[in-house]
Structures are given as structure tokens and as C-alpha cells.
Protein backbone atom coordinates (compact mmCIF):
# COMPACT_ATOMS: atom_id res chain seq x y z
CA GLN A 1 93.07 106.36 126.88
CA VAL A 2 93.43 107.67 123.56
CA GLN A 3 91.52 105.89 120.42
CA VAL A 4 91.85 106.71 117.07
CA VAL A 5 89.46 104.94 114.32
CA GLU A 6 89.58 105.09 110.87
CA SER A 7 86.79 104.37 108.41
CA GLY A 8 85.59 104.52 104.91
CA GLY A 9 87.88 102.18 103.16
CA GLY A 10 86.61 99.78 100.60
CA LEU A 11 86.56 98.50 97.19
CA VAL A 12 86.42 100.86 94.04
CA GLN A 13 86.89 100.81 90.31
CA PRO A 14 89.85 102.61 89.05
CA GLY A 15 88.98 106.31 88.40
CA GLY A 16 86.36 105.98 91.31
CA SER A 17 86.51 108.07 94.73
CA LEU A 18 86.49 107.42 98.62
CA ARG A 19 86.50 109.53 101.44
CA LEU A 20 88.41 108.12 104.38
CA SER A 21 87.56 109.80 108.21
CA CYS A 22 89.47 109.23 111.30
CA ALA A 23 88.12 110.20 114.64
CA ALA A 24 90.18 110.55 117.69
CA SER A 25 88.93 110.61 121.18
CA GLY A 26 90.31 110.60 124.79
CA SER A 27 92.66 112.48 126.78
CA ILE A 28 94.62 114.23 123.86
CA ARG A 29 96.99 116.94 124.49
CA ARG A 30 97.93 119.53 121.93
CA ILE A 31 97.89 118.12 118.49
CA TYR A 32 100.60 119.28 115.86
CA THR A 33 99.90 117.22 113.11
CA MET A 34 97.32 114.75 111.80
CA GLY A 35 97.69 112.94 108.82
CA TRP A 36 97.26 109.72 106.64
CA TYR A 37 99.95 107.08 106.02
CA ARG A 38 99.53 103.96 103.72
CA GLN A 39 101.20 100.55 103.24
CA ALA A 40 100.90 98.51 100.62
CA PRO A 41 101.72 94.54 100.66
CA GLY A 42 105.57 94.31 100.41
CA LYS A 43 106.22 98.03 100.76
CA GLN A 44 107.25 100.29 103.60
CA ARG A 45 104.56 102.41 105.07
CA GLU A 46 104.51 106.14 103.12
CA LEU A 47 103.22 109.35 104.07
CA VAL A 48 100.05 110.22 101.94
CA ALA A 49 99.29 113.46 103.39
CA GLY A 50 99.52 115.45 106.63
CA ILE A 51 97.96 118.80 107.98
CA THR A 52 99.36 120.94 110.95
CA SER A 53 97.32 122.53 113.33
CA GLY A 54 97.96 125.94 111.51
CA GLY A 55 96.60 124.33 108.50
CA GLN A 56 99.60 123.70 106.44
CA LEU A 57 99.16 120.91 103.96
CA ASN A 58 101.73 118.01 102.97
CA TYR A 59 101.11 115.78 100.03
CA ALA A 60 103.10 112.69 98.67
CA ASP A 61 103.94 113.63 94.92
CA SER A 62 102.02 110.57 93.84
CA VAL A 63 98.58 111.96 95.05
CA LYS A 64 98.81 115.60 94.56
CA GLY A 65 95.98 116.95 92.52
CA ARG A 66 94.04 113.67 93.35
CA PHE A 67 93.98 113.57 97.07
CA THR A 68 92.55 116.34 99.63
CA ILE A 69 93.13 116.26 103.33
CA SER A 70 91.02 118.14 105.84
CA ARG A 71 90.44 118.34 109.44
CA ASP A 72 87.94 119.44 111.96
CA ASN A 73 89.80 120.72 115.15
CA ALA A 74 86.67 120.72 117.21
CA LYS A 75 85.92 117.33 116.59
CA ILE A 76 89.60 115.85 116.41
CA THR A 77 88.53 114.31 112.89
CA LEU A 78 90.61 114.17 110.01
CA TYR A 79 89.49 113.21 106.37
CA LEU A 80 90.90 112.36 103.14
CA GLN A 81 89.05 112.55 99.87
CA MET A 82 90.55 110.39 97.54
CA ASN A 83 89.47 110.82 93.51
CA SER A 84 90.87 109.47 90.40
CA LEU A 85 91.89 106.41 92.36
CA LYS A 86 94.49 104.27 90.85
CA PRO A 87 95.47 100.33 91.05
CA GLU A 88 98.54 101.52 92.88
CA ASP A 89 96.72 103.42 95.52
CA THR A 90 95.79 100.12 96.94
CA ALA A 91 96.98 99.77 100.58
CA VAL A 92 95.96 99.88 104.17
CA TYR A 93 95.53 103.55 105.24
CA TYR A 94 96.50 104.82 108.55
CA CYS A 95 95.69 107.83 110.19
CA TYR A 96 98.04 109.30 112.87
CA LEU A 97 98.20 112.09 115.39
CA HIS A 98 101.29 113.73 116.62
CA THR A 99 100.88 115.31 119.91
CA ALA A 100 102.80 117.22 122.48
CA THR A 101 103.22 114.11 124.27
CA LEU A 102 102.88 111.00 122.04
CA ASP A 103 102.14 109.98 118.53
CA TYR A 104 98.89 107.83 118.13
CA TRP A 105 98.06 105.36 115.16
CA GLY A 106 94.63 103.95 113.97
CA GLN A 107 94.32 100.32 113.34
CA GLY A 108 94.06 100.92 109.33
CA THR A 109 91.19 100.72 106.77
CA GLN A 110 91.89 98.90 103.75
CA VAL A 111 91.58 100.63 100.14
CA THR A 112 91.44 98.16 97.09
CA VAL A 113 91.39 99.75 93.58
CA SER A 114 90.46 96.98 91.13
CA SER A 115 88.08 96.59 88.02
């Protein structure tokens, strides 16, 4: 059984920073891509950032220059460093794994940016 667990969300003031973590465990076949999606109330889930097994990065235009994605392949852990946070970044952030067999999602972690 595969588990994907996010952590690091919370309440932060505009301009502040947060670091999200995602730890995956279990019987996981080859991972092609790991990444972060987010979903704000009343909106569709959208890609925030992704990273391939080869280290290729992909960011949503809205977070470029502010967010940084990284991964530790040995530990199957994913990170999202979020700086200069804005109220519009408020959402539930989900970690996902795209593997050779299935895609896996975490349960999500709430990020709220508010003064």
C-alpha cells in the first residue's frame, strides 16, 4: 500500500514563507514525476509545480520566481519552498506521484495567506 503524506501548511501573512513537505512510502514502482497541485474554494485543481526523475522543472506562471520545488529521490520526499506568499495562494495543496503503474495523491495540506 502506498502512502503520500503532506505537511507544512498553515496560516501566514502576505509576504511570508512556508515550506511544504511530501513523504511517500510503500511499494512504489518507478516514479516519473512528482509535483504539487492546489485547489482554492470554488476553483479547479491546478498544477503549481512539478519535477521529473531527471530533474526537469515545471512551474505555473503565477508562482514562478516565488516557489521552488525540489525532491530527494532516495527518501522519496518532495518539497515546495513558497516565498513572497500572496492571498491568492490560499488553497489546499496536494502532492502527487506519477509512477509506472499508478498515480498517487496525498490528502492535502491547507495554506492560508491572510493578514
